[in-house]
Amino acid sequence: MARYVLRKLMLQFNLPNLIAGLLFSIIGMSALSYGRKLKLWKPSVIGAVLMVYPYVVWNIWLLWIIGCGLLVTLWFHHDE
């Protein structure tokens, strides 16, 4: 069982997954710091989710769809 999980994790380190994870994590870190500085909870929560979800989602299409959806949500809730 441990070998299967390790092999599954090792197969997910491809370039599109790494780029998406890095991109969405950097944007999430910026949104989190923005929300904490202005004491706004919505950008803080969306930023935290943007930083964490690439570790759980391994499918490249879902990674980009969820990330873009969270960015659109962040765009509409960044100043509330």
N, C-alpha and C. Protein backbone atom coordinates (compact mmCIF):
# COMPACT_ATOMS: atom_id res chain seq x y z
N MET A 1 0.83 -1.20 0.00
CA MET A 1 0.00 0.00 0.00
C MET A 1 0.86 1.25 0.00
N ALA A 2 1.90 1.27 0.82
CA ALA A 2 2.77 2.44 0.88
C ALA A 2 3.50 2.64 -0.44
N ARG A 3 3.87 1.54 -1.10
CA ARG A 3 4.54 1.67 -2.40
C ARG A 3 3.62 2.27 -3.44
N TYR A 4 2.35 1.88 -3.41
CA TYR A 4 1.38 2.42 -4.37
C TYR A 4 1.21 3.92 -4.17
N VAL A 5 1.07 4.34 -2.93
CA VAL A 5 0.90 5.77 -2.63
C VAL A 5 2.15 6.53 -3.04
N LEU A 6 3.31 6.00 -2.74
CA LEU A 6 4.56 6.66 -3.10
C LEU A 6 4.70 6.75 -4.62
N ARG A 7 4.37 5.68 -5.33
CA ARG A 7 4.45 5.70 -6.78
C ARG A 7 3.45 6.69 -7.36
N LYS A 8 2.25 6.76 -6.79
CA LYS A 8 1.24 7.69 -7.25
C LYS A 8 1.69 9.13 -7.04
N LEU A 9 2.32 9.41 -5.89
CA LEU A 9 2.83 10.75 -5.63
C LEU A 9 3.98 11.10 -6.55
N MET A 10 4.84 10.17 -6.84
CA MET A 10 5.98 10.44 -7.69
C MET A 10 5.57 10.72 -9.13
N LEU A 11 4.47 10.12 -9.58
CA LEU A 11 4.02 10.36 -10.94
C LEU A 11 3.40 11.75 -11.10
N GLN A 12 3.04 12.39 -10.03
CA GLN A 12 2.36 13.67 -10.12
C GLN A 12 3.32 14.86 -10.16
N PHE A 13 4.60 14.61 -10.10
CA PHE A 13 5.56 15.71 -10.17
C PHE A 13 5.94 15.97 -11.62
N ASN A 14 4.97 16.43 -12.38
CA ASN A 14 5.27 16.81 -13.76
C ASN A 14 5.19 18.33 -13.87
N LEU A 15 5.68 18.86 -14.96
CA LEU A 15 5.85 20.30 -15.10
C LEU A 15 4.53 21.08 -15.01
N PRO A 16 3.45 20.70 -15.68
CA PRO A 16 2.21 21.48 -15.55
C PRO A 16 1.67 21.52 -14.11
N ASN A 17 1.76 20.42 -13.37
CA ASN A 17 1.30 20.42 -11.98
C ASN A 17 2.16 21.33 -11.12
N LEU A 18 3.47 21.29 -11.32
CA LEU A 18 4.36 22.14 -10.53
C LEU A 18 4.14 23.62 -10.84
N ILE A 19 3.97 23.95 -12.11
CA ILE A 19 3.74 25.35 -12.48
C ILE A 19 2.41 25.85 -11.91
N ALA A 20 1.36 25.05 -12.04
CA ALA A 20 0.05 25.45 -11.50
C ALA A 20 0.10 25.60 -9.99
N GLY A 21 0.73 24.65 -9.32
CA GLY A 21 0.82 24.73 -7.87
C GLY A 21 1.61 25.94 -7.40
N LEU A 22 2.70 26.23 -8.08
CA LEU A 22 3.51 27.39 -7.72
C LEU A 22 2.76 28.69 -7.98
N LEU A 23 2.12 28.78 -9.14
CA LEU A 23 1.39 29.99 -9.50
C LEU A 23 0.24 30.27 -8.54
N PHE A 24 -0.59 29.27 -8.29
CA PHE A 24 -1.75 29.48 -7.42
C PHE A 24 -1.32 29.67 -5.96
N SER A 25 -0.24 29.06 -5.54
CA SER A 25 0.25 29.25 -4.17
C SER A 25 0.79 30.66 -3.96
N ILE A 26 1.49 31.20 -4.95
CA ILE A 26 2.01 32.57 -4.83
C ILE A 26 0.87 33.57 -4.79
N ILE A 27 -0.12 33.38 -5.66
CA ILE A 27 -1.28 34.29 -5.65
C ILE A 27 -2.04 34.14 -4.34
N GLY A 28 -2.17 32.92 -3.84
CA GLY A 28 -2.85 32.70 -2.57
C GLY A 28 -2.12 33.34 -1.40
N MET A 29 -0.78 33.28 -1.40
CA MET A 29 -0.01 33.90 -0.34
C MET A 29 -0.20 35.42 -0.37
N SER A 30 -0.26 36.00 -1.56
CA SER A 30 -0.49 37.44 -1.69
C SER A 30 -1.89 37.81 -1.20
N ALA A 31 -2.88 37.01 -1.57
CA ALA A 31 -4.25 37.29 -1.13
C ALA A 31 -4.39 37.14 0.38
N LEU A 32 -3.72 36.15 0.95
CA LEU A 32 -3.77 35.95 2.39
C LEU A 32 -3.15 37.13 3.13
N SER A 33 -2.01 37.59 2.67
CA SER A 33 -1.38 38.72 3.35
C SER A 33 -2.18 40.02 3.16
N TYR A 34 -2.78 40.20 1.98
CA TYR A 34 -3.65 41.35 1.72
C TYR A 34 -4.85 41.34 2.65
N GLY A 35 -5.49 40.18 2.76
CA GLY A 35 -6.67 40.07 3.63
C GLY A 35 -6.34 40.25 5.10
N ARG A 36 -5.18 39.73 5.51
CA ARG A 36 -4.80 39.89 6.92
C ARG A 36 -4.42 41.33 7.23
N LYS A 37 -3.79 42.01 6.28
CA LYS A 37 -3.38 43.39 6.51
C LYS A 37 -4.60 44.31 6.65
N LEU A 38 -5.61 44.08 5.82
CA LEU A 38 -6.81 44.92 5.86
C LEU A 38 -7.91 44.33 6.74
N LYS A 39 -7.63 43.20 7.40
CA LYS A 39 -8.58 42.53 8.27
C LYS A 39 -9.88 42.18 7.55
N LEU A 40 -9.72 41.62 6.35
CA LEU A 40 -10.85 41.13 5.56
C LEU A 40 -10.79 39.61 5.55
N TRP A 41 -11.87 38.95 5.90
CA TRP A 41 -11.81 37.51 6.04
C TRP A 41 -11.97 36.77 4.71
N LYS A 42 -12.71 37.31 3.76
CA LYS A 42 -12.92 36.59 2.50
C LYS A 42 -11.63 36.42 1.69
N PRO A 43 -10.84 37.49 1.46
CA PRO A 43 -9.58 37.26 0.74
C PRO A 43 -8.61 36.37 1.51
N SER A 44 -8.66 36.44 2.83
CA SER A 44 -7.79 35.59 3.63
C SER A 44 -8.13 34.12 3.45
N VAL A 45 -9.41 33.79 3.48
CA VAL A 45 -9.84 32.40 3.34
C VAL A 45 -9.57 31.90 1.92
N ILE A 46 -9.88 32.71 0.92
CA ILE A 46 -9.64 32.31 -0.46
C ILE A 46 -8.14 32.13 -0.70
N GLY A 47 -7.32 33.01 -0.13
CA GLY A 47 -5.88 32.88 -0.25
C GLY A 47 -5.35 31.61 0.40
N ALA A 48 -5.88 31.27 1.56
CA ALA A 48 -5.45 30.04 2.23
C ALA A 48 -5.86 28.81 1.42
N VAL A 49 -7.05 28.83 0.85
CA VAL A 49 -7.50 27.71 0.02
C VAL A 49 -6.64 27.61 -1.24
N LEU A 50 -6.28 28.75 -1.84
CA LEU A 50 -5.42 28.73 -3.01
C LEU A 50 -4.05 28.15 -2.70
N MET A 51 -3.57 28.34 -1.50
CA MET A 51 -2.26 27.80 -1.14
C MET A 51 -2.31 26.31 -0.84
N VAL A 52 -3.43 25.82 -0.33
CA VAL A 52 -3.50 24.44 0.14
C VAL A 52 -4.01 23.47 -0.92
N TYR A 53 -4.94 23.87 -1.76
CA TYR A 53 -5.61 22.91 -2.63
C TYR A 53 -4.69 22.23 -3.64
N PRO A 54 -3.59 22.84 -4.13
CA PRO A 54 -2.74 22.09 -5.07
C PRO A 54 -2.10 20.84 -4.46
N TYR A 55 -2.05 20.75 -3.14
CA TYR A 55 -1.51 19.55 -2.51
C TYR A 55 -2.51 18.40 -2.52
N VAL A 56 -3.80 18.69 -2.69
CA VAL A 56 -4.81 17.66 -2.63
C VAL A 56 -5.32 17.26 -4.01
N VAL A 57 -5.35 18.19 -4.94
CA VAL A 57 -5.87 17.92 -6.28
C VAL A 57 -4.70 17.54 -7.18
N TRP A 58 -4.77 16.34 -7.79
CA TRP A 58 -3.66 15.86 -8.61
C TRP A 58 -3.97 15.91 -10.09
N ASN A 59 -5.22 15.96 -10.45
CA ASN A 59 -5.60 16.01 -11.86
C ASN A 59 -5.32 17.41 -12.40
N ILE A 60 -4.59 17.49 -13.51
CA ILE A 60 -4.16 18.79 -14.02
C ILE A 60 -5.34 19.66 -14.45
N TRP A 61 -6.38 19.03 -15.04
CA TRP A 61 -7.54 19.82 -15.46
C TRP A 61 -8.31 20.36 -14.27
N LEU A 62 -8.51 19.53 -13.27
CA LEU A 62 -9.19 20.01 -12.06
C LEU A 62 -8.38 21.07 -11.35
N LEU A 63 -7.07 20.92 -11.36
CA LEU A 63 -6.19 21.89 -10.72
C LEU A 63 -6.37 23.27 -11.34
N TRP A 64 -6.37 23.34 -12.66
CA TRP A 64 -6.53 24.63 -13.34
C TRP A 64 -7.96 25.16 -13.24
N ILE A 65 -8.96 24.28 -13.32
CA ILE A 65 -10.35 24.75 -13.24
C ILE A 65 -10.67 25.30 -11.86
N ILE A 66 -10.28 24.57 -10.82
CA ILE A 66 -10.53 25.04 -9.46
C ILE A 66 -9.74 26.31 -9.18
N GLY A 67 -8.49 26.36 -9.63
CA GLY A 67 -7.68 27.55 -9.42
C GLY A 67 -8.25 28.78 -10.08
N CYS A 68 -8.68 28.64 -11.33
CA CYS A 68 -9.28 29.79 -12.03
C CYS A 68 -10.61 30.19 -11.38
N GLY A 69 -11.38 29.21 -10.93
CA GLY A 69 -12.62 29.53 -10.22
C GLY A 69 -12.37 30.28 -8.93
N LEU A 70 -11.34 29.87 -8.20
CA LEU A 70 -10.99 30.59 -6.96
C LEU A 70 -10.47 31.99 -7.25
N LEU A 71 -9.75 32.16 -8.35
CA LEU A 71 -9.26 33.49 -8.71
C LEU A 71 -10.41 34.42 -9.09
N VAL A 72 -11.41 33.88 -9.80
CA VAL A 72 -12.60 34.69 -10.13
C VAL A 72 -13.34 35.06 -8.86
N THR A 73 -13.46 34.11 -7.94
CA THR A 73 -14.10 34.40 -6.65
C THR A 73 -13.32 35.46 -5.88
N LEU A 74 -12.01 35.36 -5.91
CA LEU A 74 -11.18 36.36 -5.24
C LEU A 74 -11.36 37.73 -5.87
N TRP A 75 -11.49 37.78 -7.18
CA TRP A 75 -11.66 39.05 -7.88
C TRP A 75 -12.96 39.75 -7.42
N PHE A 76 -14.03 38.99 -7.23
CA PHE A 76 -15.30 39.60 -6.85
C PHE A 76 -15.40 39.86 -5.35
N HIS A 77 -14.56 39.24 -4.53
CA HIS A 77 -14.66 39.42 -3.08
C HIS A 77 -13.38 40.00 -2.47
N HIS A 78 -12.58 40.69 -3.23
CA HIS A 78 -11.31 41.18 -2.69
C HIS A 78 -11.46 42.43 -1.82
N ASP A 79 -12.56 43.13 -1.93
CA ASP A 79 -12.68 44.38 -1.16
C ASP A 79 -13.89 44.39 -0.23
N GLU A 80 -14.48 43.26 0.02
CA GLU A 80 -15.67 43.23 0.91
C GLU A 80 -15.28 42.95 2.33
